[in-house]
Amino acid sequence: MENITIPEMLKKEKERFEMIFESFILENLVFLCMKIMNSIVVVGLYYGFMTTFSIGPSYLFLLRARLQFT
């Protein structure tokens, strides 16, 4: 067993705590960014499909008029 002084032990514990804390903060930031990006992508896809495949009332009236005259 090594003879480690108390200040050395405290220094090692502090370094270990800082590493764990930094990785925890980094993981949380990455998770938050991914969550925001996923939300943005989902909203973009939703509105993209809504605008691409939207059929408004005027288009329905146009189809109805064309069907009546054929």
N, C-alpha and C. Protein backbone atom coordinates (compact mmCIF):
# COMPACT_ATOMS: atom_id res chain seq x y z
N MET A 1 0.84 -1.19 0.00
CA MET A 1 0.00 0.00 0.00
C MET A 1 0.88 1.24 0.00
N GLU A 2 0.50 2.21 -0.79
CA GLU A 2 1.30 3.43 -0.90
C GLU A 2 1.08 4.33 0.30
N ASN A 3 2.07 5.11 0.58
CA ASN A 3 1.94 6.14 1.61
C ASN A 3 1.59 7.45 0.92
N ILE A 4 0.32 7.78 0.91
CA ILE A 4 -0.16 9.00 0.26
C ILE A 4 -0.58 9.97 1.35
N THR A 5 -0.14 11.19 1.20
CA THR A 5 -0.52 12.19 2.19
C THR A 5 -1.94 12.66 1.92
N ILE A 6 -2.52 13.28 2.91
CA ILE A 6 -3.90 13.75 2.80
C ILE A 6 -4.06 14.80 1.70
N PRO A 7 -3.15 15.79 1.59
CA PRO A 7 -3.31 16.75 0.48
C PRO A 7 -3.26 16.08 -0.90
N GLU A 8 -2.42 15.06 -1.05
CA GLU A 8 -2.36 14.35 -2.33
C GLU A 8 -3.67 13.61 -2.60
N MET A 9 -4.22 12.99 -1.56
CA MET A 9 -5.50 12.30 -1.71
C MET A 9 -6.60 13.28 -2.10
N LEU A 10 -6.61 14.44 -1.43
CA LEU A 10 -7.62 15.45 -1.74
C LEU A 10 -7.48 15.95 -3.17
N LYS A 11 -6.22 16.11 -3.60
CA LYS A 11 -5.98 16.58 -4.96
C LYS A 11 -6.49 15.56 -5.98
N LYS A 12 -6.22 14.26 -5.72
CA LYS A 12 -6.69 13.22 -6.63
C LYS A 12 -8.21 13.15 -6.65
N GLU A 13 -8.83 13.27 -5.49
CA GLU A 13 -10.29 13.24 -5.42
C GLU A 13 -10.90 14.43 -6.16
N LYS A 14 -10.25 15.59 -6.00
CA LYS A 14 -10.74 16.79 -6.68
C LYS A 14 -10.65 16.62 -8.19
N GLU A 15 -9.52 16.09 -8.67
CA GLU A 15 -9.36 15.86 -10.11
C GLU A 15 -10.40 14.86 -10.62
N ARG A 16 -10.62 13.81 -9.85
CA ARG A 16 -11.61 12.80 -10.24
C ARG A 16 -13.01 13.41 -10.30
N PHE A 17 -13.34 14.22 -9.30
CA PHE A 17 -14.65 14.87 -9.27
C PHE A 17 -14.81 15.82 -10.45
N GLU A 18 -13.75 16.59 -10.77
CA GLU A 18 -13.83 17.52 -11.89
C GLU A 18 -14.03 16.78 -13.21
N MET A 19 -13.37 15.64 -13.38
CA MET A 19 -13.53 14.87 -14.61
C MET A 19 -14.97 14.34 -14.74
N ILE A 20 -15.50 13.83 -13.64
CA ILE A 20 -16.88 13.32 -13.66
C ILE A 20 -17.86 14.45 -13.93
N PHE A 21 -17.65 15.59 -13.28
CA PHE A 21 -18.54 16.74 -13.44
C PHE A 21 -18.50 17.25 -14.88
N GLU A 22 -17.29 17.36 -15.46
CA GLU A 22 -17.16 17.84 -16.84
C GLU A 22 -17.84 16.89 -17.82
N SER A 23 -17.67 15.59 -17.62
CA SER A 23 -18.31 14.64 -18.53
C SER A 23 -19.83 14.68 -18.37
N PHE A 24 -20.30 14.89 -17.13
CA PHE A 24 -21.74 14.98 -16.88
C PHE A 24 -22.32 16.20 -17.58
N ILE A 25 -21.65 17.34 -17.46
CA ILE A 25 -22.11 18.57 -18.12
C ILE A 25 -22.09 18.39 -19.64
N LEU A 26 -21.02 17.80 -20.17
CA LEU A 26 -20.91 17.59 -21.61
C LEU A 26 -22.02 16.68 -22.12
N GLU A 27 -22.29 15.58 -21.39
CA GLU A 27 -23.35 14.67 -21.81
C GLU A 27 -24.71 15.37 -21.80
N ASN A 28 -24.96 16.18 -20.78
CA ASN A 28 -26.24 16.89 -20.71
C ASN A 28 -26.38 17.89 -21.84
N LEU A 29 -25.29 18.59 -22.17
CA LEU A 29 -25.35 19.56 -23.27
C LEU A 29 -25.61 18.85 -24.60
N VAL A 30 -24.93 17.73 -24.81
CA VAL A 30 -25.13 16.98 -26.05
C VAL A 30 -26.57 16.47 -26.12
N PHE A 31 -27.08 15.95 -25.00
CA PHE A 31 -28.46 15.45 -24.97
C PHE A 31 -29.45 16.57 -25.26
N LEU A 32 -29.23 17.74 -24.66
CA LEU A 32 -30.13 18.87 -24.88
C LEU A 32 -30.10 19.32 -26.34
N CYS A 33 -28.90 19.41 -26.92
CA CYS A 33 -28.78 19.81 -28.33
C CYS A 33 -29.47 18.81 -29.25
N MET A 34 -29.30 17.52 -28.96
CA MET A 34 -29.94 16.50 -29.79
C MET A 34 -31.46 16.59 -29.68
N LYS A 35 -31.95 16.85 -28.48
CA LYS A 35 -33.39 16.96 -28.28
C LYS A 35 -33.95 18.16 -29.06
N ILE A 36 -33.24 19.28 -29.01
CA ILE A 36 -33.68 20.48 -29.74
C ILE A 36 -33.64 20.23 -31.24
N MET A 37 -32.56 19.60 -31.72
CA MET A 37 -32.44 19.33 -33.15
C MET A 37 -33.53 18.38 -33.62
N ASN A 38 -33.83 17.35 -32.82
CA ASN A 38 -34.90 16.43 -33.20
C ASN A 38 -36.24 17.16 -33.28
N SER A 39 -36.49 18.06 -32.35
CA SER A 39 -37.74 18.82 -32.38
C SER A 39 -37.82 19.70 -33.63
N ILE A 40 -36.71 20.33 -33.95
CA ILE A 40 -36.68 21.20 -35.13
C ILE A 40 -36.92 20.38 -36.40
N VAL A 41 -36.30 19.21 -36.49
CA VAL A 41 -36.47 18.36 -37.67
C VAL A 41 -37.91 17.90 -37.78
N VAL A 42 -38.51 17.48 -36.68
CA VAL A 42 -39.90 17.00 -36.71
C VAL A 42 -40.84 18.12 -37.12
N VAL A 43 -40.66 19.31 -36.57
CA VAL A 43 -41.52 20.44 -36.93
C VAL A 43 -41.32 20.79 -38.41
N GLY A 44 -40.08 20.78 -38.87
CA GLY A 44 -39.81 21.07 -40.27
C GLY A 44 -40.45 20.07 -41.21
N LEU A 45 -40.35 18.79 -40.87
CA LEU A 45 -41.00 17.77 -41.70
C LEU A 45 -42.51 17.93 -41.70
N TYR A 46 -43.07 18.20 -40.54
CA TYR A 46 -44.52 18.36 -40.43
C TYR A 46 -45.01 19.49 -41.32
N TYR A 47 -44.39 20.68 -41.17
CA TYR A 47 -44.84 21.81 -41.97
C TYR A 47 -44.48 21.65 -43.44
N GLY A 48 -43.39 20.95 -43.72
CA GLY A 48 -43.04 20.68 -45.11
C GLY A 48 -44.09 19.82 -45.80
N PHE A 49 -44.51 18.76 -45.12
CA PHE A 49 -45.55 17.91 -45.69
C PHE A 49 -46.89 18.64 -45.75
N MET A 50 -47.16 19.45 -44.75
CA MET A 50 -48.43 20.19 -44.74
C MET A 50 -48.50 21.14 -45.94
N THR A 51 -47.40 21.81 -46.24
CA THR A 51 -47.43 22.76 -47.37
C THR A 51 -47.35 22.04 -48.70
N THR A 52 -46.68 20.90 -48.75
CA THR A 52 -46.55 20.18 -50.02
C THR A 52 -47.85 19.49 -50.41
N PHE A 53 -48.48 18.84 -49.45
CA PHE A 53 -49.66 18.03 -49.75
C PHE A 53 -50.96 18.68 -49.29
N SER A 54 -50.94 19.98 -49.11
CA SER A 54 -52.16 20.62 -48.62
C SER A 54 -53.15 20.78 -49.77
N ILE A 55 -54.39 20.53 -49.46
CA ILE A 55 -55.48 20.73 -50.43
C ILE A 55 -56.45 21.71 -49.77
N GLY A 56 -56.46 22.91 -50.27
CA GLY A 56 -57.33 23.93 -49.70
C GLY A 56 -58.73 23.85 -50.28
N PRO A 57 -59.64 24.62 -49.73
CA PRO A 57 -61.03 24.61 -50.22
C PRO A 57 -61.14 25.02 -51.68
N SER A 58 -60.33 25.99 -52.10
CA SER A 58 -60.43 26.44 -53.50
C SER A 58 -60.04 25.32 -54.46
N TYR A 59 -59.04 24.53 -54.10
CA TYR A 59 -58.64 23.42 -54.96
C TYR A 59 -59.73 22.35 -55.00
N LEU A 60 -60.39 22.12 -53.88
CA LEU A 60 -61.50 21.15 -53.86
C LEU A 60 -62.65 21.62 -54.76
N PHE A 61 -62.95 22.94 -54.72
CA PHE A 61 -64.00 23.47 -55.60
C PHE A 61 -63.61 23.33 -57.08
N LEU A 62 -62.31 23.53 -57.37
CA LEU A 62 -61.83 23.38 -58.74
C LEU A 62 -62.00 21.94 -59.21
N LEU A 63 -61.65 20.98 -58.39
CA LEU A 63 -61.82 19.58 -58.75
C LEU A 63 -63.29 19.24 -58.96
N ARG A 64 -64.14 19.76 -58.09
CA ARG A 64 -65.58 19.50 -58.20
C ARG A 64 -66.13 20.07 -59.51
N ALA A 65 -65.69 21.28 -59.86
CA ALA A 65 -66.16 21.91 -61.09
C ALA A 65 -65.68 21.12 -62.31
N ARG A 66 -64.45 20.65 -62.28
CA ARG A 66 -63.93 19.87 -63.41
C ARG A 66 -64.67 18.55 -63.55
N LEU A 67 -65.00 17.92 -62.43
CA LEU A 67 -65.71 16.64 -62.49
C LEU A 67 -67.13 16.83 -63.02
N GLN A 68 -67.75 17.96 -62.71
CA GLN A 68 -69.12 18.20 -63.17
C GLN A 68 -69.17 18.42 -64.68
N PHE A 69 -68.13 19.03 -65.24
CA PHE A 69 -68.15 19.36 -66.67
C PHE A 69 -67.52 18.30 -67.54
N THR A 70 -67.13 17.18 -66.97
CA THR A 70 -66.55 16.14 -67.83
C THR A 70 -67.56 15.09 -68.19
